[in-house]
Structure formats: structure tokens, C-alpha cells
Amino acid sequence: MLTSKWRHFDKPTEAGWLGRIDGLIAGMAPVSLAQLALRFGLSVPFWRSGMSKWDGFLQLNDVAILLFTSEFKLHLPGGPYDFPAPAVMAFAVACAEILLPTFLMLGLATRLAALGLLAMTIVIQLTVPDGWPIHLTWAAMALAIVTWGAGRLSLDWWLVSRSKRM
């Protein structure tokens, strides 16, 4: 008897009062809007970090190279360890911090861009272990984007729907 009384809690889409409330809340924000918000929310911190590393077109500033040369360390067992090839690493990271958020904001190659930012988040966590609360947030956003994609408000959606019409 107890299971039948509480059965509607297991299936929120059933037509009970809980199901109606759930449906009203779900209808307030379309999935595509949530996906857009996730894309922008994940893009902003990486974009801002990337912009702070450049002095001009393909010209890194001295601070970016200095960070990878002397400040940033990988906190792995037996470490911390220096980053290999710090100037190359600084350049690669600065490029990725501009390109991946741009792709993410446009919704172009979205899952791949989110996967790249997830990988960067893991390395950032190994570099700044005390930043785990924000890194966990970034990882969750990236995983959501990798899982559910860009949504309807994206170039990915437009390109796929256009190719299906041809």
C-alpha cells in the first residue's frame, strides 16, 4: 500500500500535483536556452583568461610566459612539477582559451570545444588544487554540453538541419 500512495514521486511526469508543478517549471526555460546559457557561462572565464595573455596578434605578453615558466606547477604525486616547454605551453593554452570559447559561443563544433575546455579544466585543477569549487562548476558545465550538445540556438544545429534538407 505504501508504494502505491507514493508512486507519483518516482514518476514526476505523471498527472499528479507534483507532475503539474514539474511541468510548469520545466516549461519556464526551454532546453535550448539552458544550453545557450551553459555555453556562454563556460566560455566567459576562459575567454577572459585568454585575452589577458596577448599583447597583439599572435604575440604573447611576458606575464603569460612567466606564469608557465616560474609560477604554474603541476601538482601530481611526487611533485609539484614544472610545465614542460613553458613558452610553447603558454602559447598553446592562450590560443585554446580564445578559440575554444569562440567555438562554444557560436555553437560550432560544440561538443569538441567543450571537451577541450574540460581537459583544460582538469589541468587547471592539477595546477591550482585549491580552486576545486569553481573547477568543479566548469567541469559540470562542460560535461553537460558534451552530453546534450549545443541546442537549437547554435551553428551546429543550423548546419545539421540544413544538411538534412539537401
Protein backbone atom coordinates (compact mmCIF):
# COMPACT_ATOMS: atom_id res chain seq x y z
CA MET A 1 0.00 0.00 0.00
CA LEU A 2 2.78 2.42 0.84
CA THR A 3 4.31 2.14 -2.63
CA SER A 4 1.06 2.93 -4.41
CA LYS A 5 0.48 6.01 -2.25
CA TRP A 6 3.94 7.47 -3.05
CA ARG A 7 4.17 6.15 -6.60
CA HIS A 8 3.89 9.64 -8.19
CA PHE A 9 7.17 10.72 -6.59
CA ASP A 10 9.00 8.12 -8.70
CA LYS A 11 7.49 9.41 -11.94
CA PRO A 12 7.26 13.21 -11.92
CA THR A 13 5.66 13.25 -15.37
CA GLU A 14 2.50 11.53 -14.09
CA ALA A 15 -0.61 13.67 -13.80
CA GLY A 16 -0.42 14.37 -10.06
CA TRP A 17 0.07 17.78 -8.49
CA LEU A 18 3.82 17.17 -8.39
CA GLY A 19 3.84 16.33 -12.09
CA ARG A 20 1.92 19.51 -12.92
CA ILE A 21 4.34 21.66 -10.90
CA ASP A 22 7.29 19.93 -12.51
CA GLY A 23 5.80 20.57 -15.96
CA LEU A 24 5.22 24.25 -15.21
CA ILE A 25 8.79 24.72 -14.00
CA ALA A 26 10.22 22.81 -16.96
CA GLY A 27 8.18 24.99 -19.35
CA MET A 28 9.67 28.21 -17.96
CA ALA A 29 13.03 27.69 -19.62
CA PRO A 30 13.35 25.92 -22.97
CA VAL A 31 16.16 23.39 -23.16
CA SER A 32 17.86 25.35 -25.95
CA LEU A 33 18.01 28.43 -23.72
CA ALA A 34 19.62 26.40 -20.92
CA GLN A 35 22.17 25.01 -23.40
CA LEU A 36 22.97 28.52 -24.62
CA ALA A 37 23.43 29.72 -21.03
CA LEU A 38 25.76 26.79 -20.32
CA ARG A 39 27.82 27.56 -23.42
CA PHE A 40 28.20 31.22 -22.53
CA GLY A 41 28.76 30.53 -18.84
CA LEU A 42 31.63 28.17 -19.59
CA SER A 43 33.09 30.39 -22.33
CA VAL A 44 33.44 33.63 -20.37
CA PRO A 45 36.14 32.71 -17.81
CA PHE A 46 38.30 31.00 -20.42
CA TRP A 47 37.87 33.85 -22.93
CA ARG A 48 38.81 36.46 -20.33
CA SER A 49 41.85 34.47 -19.27
CA GLY A 50 42.91 34.07 -22.89
CA MET A 51 42.51 37.78 -23.64
CA SER A 52 44.77 38.65 -20.70
CA LYS A 53 47.64 36.65 -22.23
CA TRP A 54 48.03 38.58 -25.51
CA ASP A 55 49.79 41.84 -26.41
CA GLY A 56 48.82 41.70 -30.07
CA PHE A 57 48.01 39.26 -32.85
CA LEU A 58 49.86 36.02 -32.02
CA GLN A 59 52.12 37.91 -29.61
CA LEU A 60 52.05 36.63 -26.03
CA ASN A 61 52.74 39.05 -23.24
CA ASP A 62 55.65 38.47 -20.86
CA VAL A 63 53.39 37.67 -17.93
CA ALA A 64 51.83 34.69 -19.70
CA ILE A 65 55.23 33.15 -20.38
CA LEU A 66 56.44 33.99 -16.87
CA LEU A 67 53.44 32.22 -15.32
CA PHE A 68 54.19 28.98 -17.15
CA THR A 69 57.94 29.33 -16.55
CA SER A 70 58.02 30.00 -12.82
CA GLU A 71 54.56 30.21 -11.21
CA PHE A 72 52.45 27.36 -12.54
CA LYS A 73 53.32 23.88 -11.32
CA LEU A 74 51.59 20.55 -11.87
CA HIS A 75 50.59 19.08 -8.51
CA LEU A 76 50.98 15.39 -9.23
CA PRO A 77 52.18 12.67 -6.84
CA GLY A 78 55.85 13.26 -6.06
CA GLY A 79 55.59 16.85 -7.33
CA PRO A 80 54.96 19.68 -7.89
CA TYR A 81 56.50 19.58 -11.34
CA ASP A 82 57.31 22.36 -13.83
CA PHE A 83 55.29 22.53 -17.03
CA PRO A 84 57.20 21.07 -19.98
CA ALA A 85 58.21 23.59 -22.66
CA PRO A 86 56.64 26.55 -20.80
CA ALA A 87 56.74 29.02 -23.72
CA VAL A 88 55.08 26.52 -26.07
CA MET A 89 52.59 25.58 -23.37
CA ALA A 90 51.74 29.25 -22.73
CA PHE A 91 51.15 29.83 -26.45
CA ALA A 92 49.02 26.69 -26.86
CA VAL A 93 46.91 27.50 -23.81
CA ALA A 94 46.44 31.13 -24.83
CA CYS A 95 45.30 30.03 -28.31
CA ALA A 96 42.93 27.42 -26.87
CA GLU A 97 41.50 29.97 -24.42
CA ILE A 98 40.48 32.14 -27.36
CA LEU A 99 39.46 29.55 -29.96
CA LEU A 100 37.53 27.05 -27.83
CA PRO A 101 35.28 29.65 -26.14
CA THR A 102 34.65 31.27 -29.54
CA PHE A 103 33.52 27.94 -30.99
CA LEU A 104 31.44 27.31 -27.87
CA MET A 105 29.70 30.70 -28.05
CA LEU A 106 28.91 30.21 -31.72
CA GLY A 107 27.78 26.66 -31.11
CA LEU A 108 30.22 25.36 -33.72
CA ALA A 109 31.94 22.01 -33.07
CA THR A 110 30.39 22.48 -29.65
CA ARG A 111 30.99 19.07 -28.13
CA LEU A 112 34.62 19.09 -29.25
CA ALA A 113 35.16 22.60 -27.84
CA ALA A 114 33.54 21.63 -24.53
CA LEU A 115 35.70 18.51 -24.37
CA GLY A 116 38.78 20.68 -24.90
CA LEU A 117 37.71 23.02 -22.10
CA LEU A 118 37.05 20.02 -19.86
CA ALA A 119 40.61 18.80 -20.49
CA MET A 120 41.92 22.28 -19.73
CA THR A 121 39.86 22.35 -16.53
CA ILE A 122 41.49 19.11 -15.40
CA VAL A 123 44.96 20.55 -16.00
CA ILE A 124 43.97 23.78 -14.24
CA GLN A 125 42.79 21.71 -11.26
CA LEU A 126 46.18 19.97 -11.18
CA THR A 127 47.84 23.40 -11.27
CA VAL A 128 45.61 25.17 -8.72
CA PRO A 129 44.23 22.43 -6.43
CA ASP A 130 42.54 24.88 -4.05
CA GLY A 131 40.32 26.16 -6.86
CA TRP A 132 38.28 22.95 -6.96
CA PRO A 133 34.86 24.55 -6.28
CA ILE A 134 34.99 26.68 -9.43
CA HIS A 135 36.77 23.96 -11.42
CA LEU A 136 34.02 21.51 -10.48
CA THR A 137 31.46 24.01 -11.80
CA TRP A 138 33.36 24.36 -15.08
CA ALA A 139 33.67 20.57 -15.38
CA ALA A 140 29.92 20.13 -14.76
CA MET A 141 29.07 22.72 -17.43
CA ALA A 142 31.48 21.13 -19.92
CA LEU A 143 30.09 17.65 -19.24
CA ALA A 144 26.53 18.90 -19.73
CA ILE A 145 27.48 20.43 -23.08
CA VAL A 146 29.35 17.30 -24.17
CA THR A 147 26.35 15.18 -23.16
CA TRP A 148 23.47 17.27 -24.56
CA GLY A 149 25.18 19.29 -27.27
CA ALA A 150 24.75 22.88 -28.37
CA GLY A 151 20.98 23.02 -28.71
CA ARG A 152 18.83 24.73 -31.29
CA LEU A 153 20.45 28.15 -30.84
CA SER A 154 23.73 27.13 -32.47
CA LEU A 155 25.54 26.84 -35.75
CA ASP A 156 25.81 23.07 -35.17
CA TRP A 157 22.01 22.80 -35.17
CA TRP A 158 21.69 25.02 -38.22
CA LEU A 159 24.33 23.08 -40.19
CA VAL A 160 22.83 19.70 -39.35
CA SER A 161 19.27 20.79 -40.15
CA ARG A 162 20.47 22.38 -43.41
CA SER A 163 22.31 19.21 -44.47
CA LYS A 164 19.18 17.12 -43.79
CA ARG A 165 17.15 19.37 -46.15
CA MET A 166 19.59 18.88 -49.02
